[in-house]
PDB file of all heavy atoms in Angstrom:
ATOM      1  N   PRO A   1       2.695 -10.015  -0.796  1.00  0.00           N
ATOM      2  CA  PRO A   1       2.910 -10.079   0.722  1.00  0.00           C
ATOM      3  C   PRO A   1       3.575  -8.788   1.228  1.00  0.00           C
ATOM      4  O   PRO A   1       4.415  -8.196   0.642  1.00  0.00           O
ATOM      5  CB  PRO A   1       3.794 -11.262   0.860  1.00  0.00           C
ATOM      6  CG  PRO A   1       4.443 -11.508  -0.378  1.00  0.00           C
ATOM      7  CD  PRO A   1       3.576 -10.927  -1.476  1.00  0.00           C
ATOM      8  N   TRP A   2       3.077  -8.349   2.378  1.00  0.00           N
ATOM      9  CA  TRP A   2       3.467  -7.115   3.014  1.00  0.00           C
ATOM     10  C   TRP A   2       3.516  -7.299   4.483  1.00  0.00           C
ATOM     11  O   TRP A   2       2.752  -8.045   5.131  1.00  0.00           O
ATOM     12  CB  TRP A   2       2.544  -5.988   2.626  1.00  0.00           C
ATOM     13  CG  TRP A   2       2.826  -4.628   3.189  1.00  0.00           C
ATOM     14  CD1 TRP A   2       3.692  -3.682   2.668  1.00  0.00           C
ATOM     15  CD2 TRP A   2       2.343  -4.141   4.534  1.00  0.00           C
ATOM     16  NE1 TRP A   2       3.638  -2.598   3.537  1.00  0.00           N
ATOM     17  CE2 TRP A   2       2.862  -2.856   4.634  1.00  0.00           C
ATOM     18  CE3 TRP A   2       1.527  -4.542   5.486  1.00  0.00           C
ATOM     19  CZ2 TRP A   2       2.718  -2.030   5.830  1.00  0.00           C
ATOM     20  CZ3 TRP A   2       1.277  -3.750   6.576  1.00  0.00           C
ATOM     21  CH2 TRP A   2       1.842  -2.494   6.697  1.00  0.00           C
ATOM     22  N   ARG A   3       4.643  -6.649   5.090  1.00  0.00           N
ATOM     23  CA  ARG A   3       4.813  -6.724   6.596  1.00  0.00           C
ATOM     24  C   ARG A   3       4.808  -5.390   7.169  1.00  0.00           C
ATOM     25  O   ARG A   3       5.029  -4.380   6.495  1.00  0.00           O
ATOM     26  CB  ARG A   3       6.080  -7.544   6.874  1.00  0.00           C
ATOM     27  CG  ARG A   3       6.038  -8.925   6.415  1.00  0.00           C
ATOM     28  CD  ARG A   3       7.360  -9.638   6.353  1.00  0.00           C
ATOM     29  NE  ARG A   3       7.281 -10.919   5.728  1.00  0.00           N
ATOM     30  CZ  ARG A   3       7.262 -11.231   4.399  1.00  0.00           C
ATOM     31  NH1 ARG A   3       7.365 -10.175   3.585  1.00  0.00           N
ATOM     32  NH2 ARG A   3       7.103 -12.414   3.973  1.00  0.00           N
ATOM     33  N   PHE A   4       4.381  -5.354   8.467  1.00  0.00           N
ATOM     34  CA  PHE A   4       4.381  -4.034   9.144  1.00  0.00           C
ATOM     35  C   PHE A   4       5.629  -3.302   9.018  1.00  0.00           C
ATOM     36  O   PHE A   4       5.606  -2.018   8.980  1.00  0.00           O
ATOM     37  CB  PHE A   4       4.067  -4.310  10.688  1.00  0.00           C
ATOM     38  CG  PHE A   4       2.638  -4.838  10.988  1.00  0.00           C
ATOM     39  CD1 PHE A   4       2.505  -6.122  11.458  1.00  0.00           C
ATOM     40  CD2 PHE A   4       1.689  -4.088  10.666  1.00  0.00           C
ATOM     41  CE1 PHE A   4       1.336  -6.603  11.683  1.00  0.00           C
ATOM     42  CE2 PHE A   4       0.295  -4.570  10.987  1.00  0.00           C
ATOM     43  CZ  PHE A   4       0.173  -5.821  11.534  1.00  0.00           C
ATOM     44  N   THR A   5       6.772  -3.844   8.898  1.00  0.00           N
ATOM     45  CA  THR A   5       8.008  -3.173   8.801  1.00  0.00           C
ATOM     46  C   THR A   5       8.353  -2.684   7.341  1.00  0.00           C
ATOM     47  O   THR A   5       9.383  -2.030   7.153  1.00  0.00           O
ATOM     48  CB  THR A   5       9.076  -4.118   9.220  1.00  0.00           C
ATOM     49  OG1 THR A   5       9.227  -5.372   8.335  1.00  0.00           O
ATOM     50  CG2 THR A   5       9.031  -4.514  10.627  1.00  0.00           C
ATOM     51  N   GLU A   6       7.450  -2.923   6.389  1.00  0.00           N
ATOM     52  CA  GLU A   6       7.624  -2.490   5.045  1.00  0.00           C
ATOM     53  C   GLU A   6       6.711  -1.437   4.614  1.00  0.00           C
ATOM     54  O   GLU A   6       6.310  -1.296   3.429  1.00  0.00           O
ATOM     55  CB  GLU A   6       7.413  -3.768   4.114  1.00  0.00           C
ATOM     56  CG  GLU A   6       8.368  -4.916   4.471  1.00  0.00           C
ATOM     57  CD  GLU A   6       7.948  -6.205   3.690  1.00  0.00           C
ATOM     58  OE1 GLU A   6       6.785  -6.288   3.240  1.00  0.00           O
ATOM     59  OE2 GLU A   6       8.838  -6.962   3.598  1.00  0.00           O
ATOM     60  N   LYS A   7       6.599  -0.502   5.449  1.00  0.00           N
ATOM     61  CA  LYS A   7       5.703   0.758   5.177  1.00  0.00           C
ATOM     62  C   LYS A   7       6.186   1.507   3.819  1.00  0.00           C
ATOM     63  O   LYS A   7       5.311   2.050   3.147  1.00  0.00           O
ATOM     64  CB  LYS A   7       5.679   1.659   6.327  1.00  0.00           C
ATOM     65  CG  LYS A   7       5.108   0.923   7.604  1.00  0.00           C
ATOM     66  CD  LYS A   7       4.384   1.909   8.503  1.00  0.00           C
ATOM     67  CE  LYS A   7       3.913   1.243   9.718  1.00  0.00           C
ATOM     68  NZ  LYS A   7       2.695   0.502   9.660  1.00  0.00           N
ATOM     69  N   GLU A   8       7.425   1.487   3.595  1.00  0.00           N
ATOM     70  CA  GLU A   8       7.886   2.177   2.367  1.00  0.00           C
ATOM     71  C   GLU A   8       7.344   1.450   1.110  1.00  0.00           C
ATOM     72  O   GLU A   8       7.163   2.235   0.133  1.00  0.00           O
ATOM     73  CB  GLU A   8       9.473   2.286   2.339  1.00  0.00           C
ATOM     74  CG  GLU A   8      10.123   0.914   2.018  1.00  0.00           C
ATOM     75  CD  GLU A   8      10.171  -0.072   3.191  1.00  0.00           C
ATOM     76  OE1 GLU A   8       9.907   0.311   4.340  1.00  0.00           O
ATOM     77  OE2 GLU A   8      10.505  -1.367   2.923  1.00  0.00           O
ATOM     78  N   ALA A   9       6.989   0.181   1.170  1.00  0.00           N
ATOM     79  CA  ALA A   9       6.461  -0.469   0.007  1.00  0.00           C
ATOM     80  C   ALA A   9       5.105   0.019  -0.423  1.00  0.00           C
ATOM     81  O   ALA A   9       4.792   0.000  -1.602  1.00  0.00           O
ATOM     82  CB  ALA A   9       6.398  -1.939   0.259  1.00  0.00           C
ATOM     83  N   ILE A  10       4.315   0.698   0.484  1.00  0.00           N
ATOM     84  CA  ILE A  10       3.031   1.156   0.143  1.00  0.00           C
ATOM     85  C   ILE A  10       2.914   2.737   0.440  1.00  0.00           C
ATOM     86  O   ILE A  10       1.900   3.236   0.441  1.00  0.00           O
ATOM     87  CB  ILE A  10       1.856   0.381   0.878  1.00  0.00           C
ATOM     88  CG1 ILE A  10       2.004   0.467   2.432  1.00  0.00           C
ATOM     89  CG2 ILE A  10       1.798  -0.984   0.417  1.00  0.00           C
ATOM     90  CD1 ILE A  10       0.901  -0.059   3.136  1.00  0.00           C
ATOM     91  N   ALA A  11       4.133   3.322   0.777  1.00  0.00           N
ATOM     92  CA  ALA A  11       4.059   4.662   1.014  1.00  0.00           C
ATOM     93  C   ALA A  11       3.505   5.526  -0.109  1.00  0.00           C
ATOM     94  O   ALA A  11       2.865   6.651   0.206  1.00  0.00           O
ATOM     95  CB  ALA A  11       5.572   5.226   1.232  1.00  0.00           C
ATOM     96  N   PHE A  12       3.639   5.124  -1.374  1.00  0.00           N
ATOM     97  CA  PHE A  12       2.998   5.801  -2.513  1.00  0.00           C
ATOM     98  C   PHE A  12       1.565   6.002  -2.333  1.00  0.00           C
ATOM     99  O   PHE A  12       1.014   6.996  -2.857  1.00  0.00           O
ATOM    100  CB  PHE A  12       3.265   5.042  -3.792  1.00  0.00           C
ATOM    101  CG  PHE A  12       2.573   3.767  -3.952  1.00  0.00           C
ATOM    102  CD1 PHE A  12       1.375   3.600  -4.570  1.00  0.00           C
ATOM    103  CD2 PHE A  12       3.111   2.669  -3.482  1.00  0.00           C
ATOM    104  CE1 PHE A  12       0.688   2.549  -4.664  1.00  0.00           C
ATOM    105  CE2 PHE A  12       2.626   1.451  -3.616  1.00  0.00           C
ATOM    106  CZ  PHE A  12       1.377   1.347  -4.222  1.00  0.00           C
ATOM    107  N   SER A  13       0.869   5.129  -1.508  1.00  0.00           N
ATOM    108  CA  SER A  13      -0.641   5.366  -1.400  1.00  0.00           C
ATOM    109  C   SER A  13      -1.091   6.304  -0.235  1.00  0.00           C
ATOM    110  O   SER A  13      -2.144   6.623  -0.108  1.00  0.00           O
ATOM    111  CB  SER A  13      -1.157   3.886  -0.980  1.00  0.00           C
ATOM    112  OG  SER A  13      -0.700   3.507   0.359  1.00  0.00           O
ATOM    113  N   GLY A  14      -0.006   6.692   0.531  1.00  0.00           N
ATOM    114  CA  GLY A  14      -0.369   7.618   1.643  1.00  0.00           C
ATOM    115  C   GLY A  14      -0.850   6.786   2.785  1.00  0.00           C
ATOM    116  O   GLY A  14      -1.346   7.437   3.802  1.00  0.00           O
ATOM    117  N   GLN A  15      -0.762   5.541   2.746  1.00  0.00           N
ATOM    118  CA  GLN A  15      -1.251   4.614   3.761  1.00  0.00           C
ATOM    119  C   GLN A  15      -0.078   3.868   4.411  1.00  0.00           C
ATOM    120  O   GLN A  15       0.932   3.603   3.790  1.00  0.00           O
ATOM    121  CB  GLN A  15      -2.230   3.600   3.239  1.00  0.00           C
ATOM    122  CG  GLN A  15      -3.579   4.109   2.858  1.00  0.00           C
ATOM    123  CD  GLN A  15      -4.352   4.683   4.043  1.00  0.00           C
ATOM    124  OE1 GLN A  15      -4.472   3.913   4.980  1.00  0.00           O
ATOM    125  NE2 GLN A  15      -4.693   5.930   3.979  1.00  0.00           N
ATOM    126  N   GLY A  16      -0.266   3.425   5.698  1.00  0.00           N
ATOM    127  CA  GLY A  16       0.680   2.613   6.241  1.00  0.00           C
ATOM    128  C   GLY A  16      -0.007   1.285   6.703  1.00  0.00           C
ATOM    129  O   GLY A  16       0.622   0.580   7.644  1.00  0.00           O
ATOM    130  N   ARG A  17      -1.144   0.910   6.128  1.00  0.00           N
ATOM    131  CA  ARG A  17      -1.753  -0.285   6.496  1.00  0.00           C
ATOM    132  C   ARG A  17      -2.291  -0.968   5.204  1.00  0.00           C
ATOM    133  O   ARG A  17      -2.520  -0.345   4.194  1.00  0.00           O
ATOM    134  CB  ARG A  17      -2.997   0.054   7.378  1.00  0.00           C
ATOM    135  CG  ARG A  17      -2.653   0.766   8.697  1.00  0.00           C
ATOM    136  CD  ARG A  17      -3.862   1.067   9.444  1.00  0.00           C
ATOM    137  NE  ARG A  17      -4.632   2.159   8.746  1.00  0.00           N
ATOM    138  CZ  ARG A  17      -5.752   2.660   9.260  1.00  0.00           C
ATOM    139  NH1 ARG A  17      -6.266   2.122  10.252  1.00  0.00           N
ATOM    140  NH2 ARG A  17      -6.260   3.729   8.698  1.00  0.00           N
ATOM    141  N   VAL A  18      -2.598  -2.194   5.485  1.00  0.00           N
ATOM    142  CA  VAL A  18      -3.282  -2.948   4.353  1.00  0.00           C
ATOM    143  C   VAL A  18      -4.573  -3.488   4.958  1.00  0.00           C
ATOM    144  O   VAL A  18      -4.812  -3.403   6.123  1.00  0.00           O
ATOM    145  CB  VAL A  18      -2.438  -4.135   3.872  1.00  0.00           C
ATOM    146  CG1 VAL A  18      -1.210  -3.653   3.280  1.00  0.00           C
ATOM    147  CG2 VAL A  18      -2.023  -5.069   5.067  1.00  0.00           C
ATOM    148  N   PRO A  19      -5.606  -3.849   4.127  1.00  0.00           N
ATOM    149  CA  PRO A  19      -5.457  -4.138   2.626  1.00  0.00           C
ATOM    150  C   PRO A  19      -5.478  -2.905   1.828  1.00  0.00           C
ATOM    151  O   PRO A  19      -6.084  -1.811   2.278  1.00  0.00           O
ATOM    152  CB  PRO A  19      -6.737  -4.891   2.326  1.00  0.00           C
ATOM    153  CG  PRO A  19      -7.715  -4.393   3.385  1.00  0.00           C
ATOM    154  CD  PRO A  19      -6.913  -4.150   4.652  1.00  0.00           C
ATOM    155  N   MET A  20      -4.793  -2.872   0.732  1.00  0.00           N
ATOM    156  CA  MET A  20      -4.728  -1.896  -0.231  1.00  0.00           C
ATOM    157  C   MET A  20      -4.631  -2.442  -1.646  1.00  0.00           C
ATOM    158  O   MET A  20      -3.971  -3.468  -1.790  1.00  0.00           O
ATOM    159  CB  MET A  20      -3.553  -0.933   0.035  1.00  0.00           C
ATOM    160  CG  MET A  20      -3.753   0.326  -0.851  1.00  0.00           C
ATOM    161  SD  MET A  20      -2.389   1.040  -1.573  1.00  0.00           S
ATOM    162  CE  MET A  20      -1.081  -0.137  -1.883  1.00  0.00           C
ATOM    163  N   ILE A  21      -5.499  -1.969  -2.546  1.00  0.00           N
ATOM    164  CA  ILE A  21      -5.322  -2.511  -3.935  1.00  0.00           C
ATOM    165  C   ILE A  21      -4.965  -1.249  -4.914  1.00  0.00           C
ATOM    166  O   ILE A  21      -5.286  -0.154  -4.473  1.00  0.00           O
ATOM    167  CB  ILE A  21      -6.648  -3.095  -4.422  1.00  0.00           C
ATOM    168  CG1 ILE A  21      -7.791  -2.029  -4.649  1.00  0.00           C
ATOM    169  CG2 ILE A  21      -7.107  -4.389  -3.552  1.00  0.00           C
ATOM    170  CD1 ILE A  21      -8.956  -2.572  -5.347  1.00  0.00           C
ATOM    171  N   THR A  22      -4.387  -1.659  -5.935  1.00  0.00           N
ATOM    172  CA  THR A  22      -4.295  -0.793  -7.147  1.00  0.00           C
ATOM    173  C   THR A  22      -4.923  -1.453  -8.192  1.00  0.00           C
ATOM    174  O   THR A  22      -4.971  -2.588  -8.368  1.00  0.00           O
ATOM    175  CB  THR A  22      -2.781  -0.487  -7.483  1.00  0.00           C
ATOM    176  OG1 THR A  22      -2.121  -1.622  -7.728  1.00  0.00           O
ATOM    177  CG2 THR A  22      -2.137   0.373  -6.255  1.00  0.00           C
ATOM    178  N   ASP A  23      -5.658  -0.611  -8.954  1.00  0.00           N
ATOM    179  CA  ASP A  23      -6.453  -1.062 -10.122  1.00  0.00           C
ATOM    180  C   ASP A  23      -6.359  -0.041 -11.206  1.00  0.00           C
ATOM    181  O   ASP A  23      -6.997   1.005 -11.094  1.00  0.00           O
ATOM    182  CB  ASP A  23      -7.894  -1.456  -9.809  1.00  0.00           C
ATOM    183  CG  ASP A  23      -8.702  -2.037 -10.862  1.00  0.00           C
ATOM    184  OD1 ASP A  23      -8.101  -2.693 -11.885  1.00  0.00           O
ATOM    185  OD2 ASP A  23      -9.985  -1.898 -10.847  1.00  0.00           O
ATOM    186  N   GLY A  24      -5.577  -0.313 -12.253  1.00  0.00           N
ATOM    187  CA  GLY A  24      -5.494   0.624 -13.336  1.00  0.00           C
ATOM    188  C   GLY A  24      -5.035   2.013 -12.901  1.00  0.00           C
ATOM    189  O   GLY A  24      -5.523   2.956 -13.473  1.00  0.00           O
ATOM    190  N   GLY A  25      -4.112   1.974 -12.030  1.00  0.00           N
ATOM    191  CA  GLY A  25      -3.521   3.309 -11.601  1.00  0.00           C
ATOM    192  C   GLY A  25      -4.282   3.946 -10.411  1.00  0.00           C
ATOM    193  O   GLY A  25      -3.869   4.963  -9.842  1.00  0.00           O
ATOM    194  N   ARG A  26      -5.423   3.349 -10.080  1.00  0.00           N
ATOM    195  CA  ARG A  26      -6.167   3.871  -8.880  1.00  0.00           C
ATOM    196  C   ARG A  26      -5.775   3.114  -7.593  1.00  0.00           C
ATOM    197  O   ARG A  26      -5.641   1.845  -7.677  1.00  0.00           O
ATOM    198  CB  ARG A  26      -7.740   3.758  -9.143  1.00  0.00           C
ATOM    199  CG  ARG A  26      -8.517   4.266  -7.969  1.00  0.00           C
ATOM    200  CD  ARG A  26      -9.927   4.659  -8.417  1.00  0.00           C
ATOM    201  NE  ARG A  26     -10.544   5.169  -7.288  1.00  0.00           N
ATOM    202  CZ  ARG A  26     -11.926   5.235  -7.276  1.00  0.00           C
ATOM    203  NH1 ARG A  26     -12.657   4.800  -8.145  1.00  0.00           N
ATOM    204  NH2 ARG A  26     -12.423   5.752  -6.065  1.00  0.00           N
ATOM    205  N   GLU A  27      -5.583   3.791  -6.534  1.00  0.00           N
ATOM    206  CA  GLU A  27      -5.292   3.133  -5.202  1.00  0.00           C
ATOM    207  C   GLU A  27      -6.518   3.247  -4.289  1.00  0.00           C
ATOM    208  O   GLU A  27      -7.140   4.290  -4.208  1.00  0.00           O
ATOM    209  CB  GLU A  27      -4.113   3.965  -4.640  1.00  0.00           C
ATOM    210  CG  GLU A  27      -2.905   3.974  -5.404  1.00  0.00           C
ATOM    211  CD  GLU A  27      -2.022   5.089  -5.149  1.00  0.00           C
ATOM    212  OE1 GLU A  27      -2.247   5.977  -4.241  1.00  0.00           O
ATOM    213  OE2 GLU A  27      -1.069   5.420  -5.934  1.00  0.00           O
ATOM    214  N   VAL A  28      -6.859   2.148  -3.669  1.00  0.00           N
ATOM    215  CA  VAL A  28      -7.998   2.013  -2.781  1.00  0.00           C
ATOM    216  C   VAL A  28      -7.595   1.331  -1.611  1.00  0.00           C
ATOM    217  O   VAL A  28      -6.951   0.252  -1.693  1.00  0.00           O
ATOM    218  CB  VAL A  28      -9.255   1.313  -3.492  1.00  0.00           C
ATOM    219  CG1 VAL A  28     -10.433   1.433  -2.586  1.00  0.00           C
ATOM    220  CG2 VAL A  28      -9.493   1.907  -4.940  1.00  0.00           C
TER     221      VAL A  28
END
């Protein structure tokens, strides 16, 4: 679960939005 206020949780992806997946080290 991710919320708009939790941008730091997905900052590693260079994205500020979802959906986002990681699969075997790849971010999409």
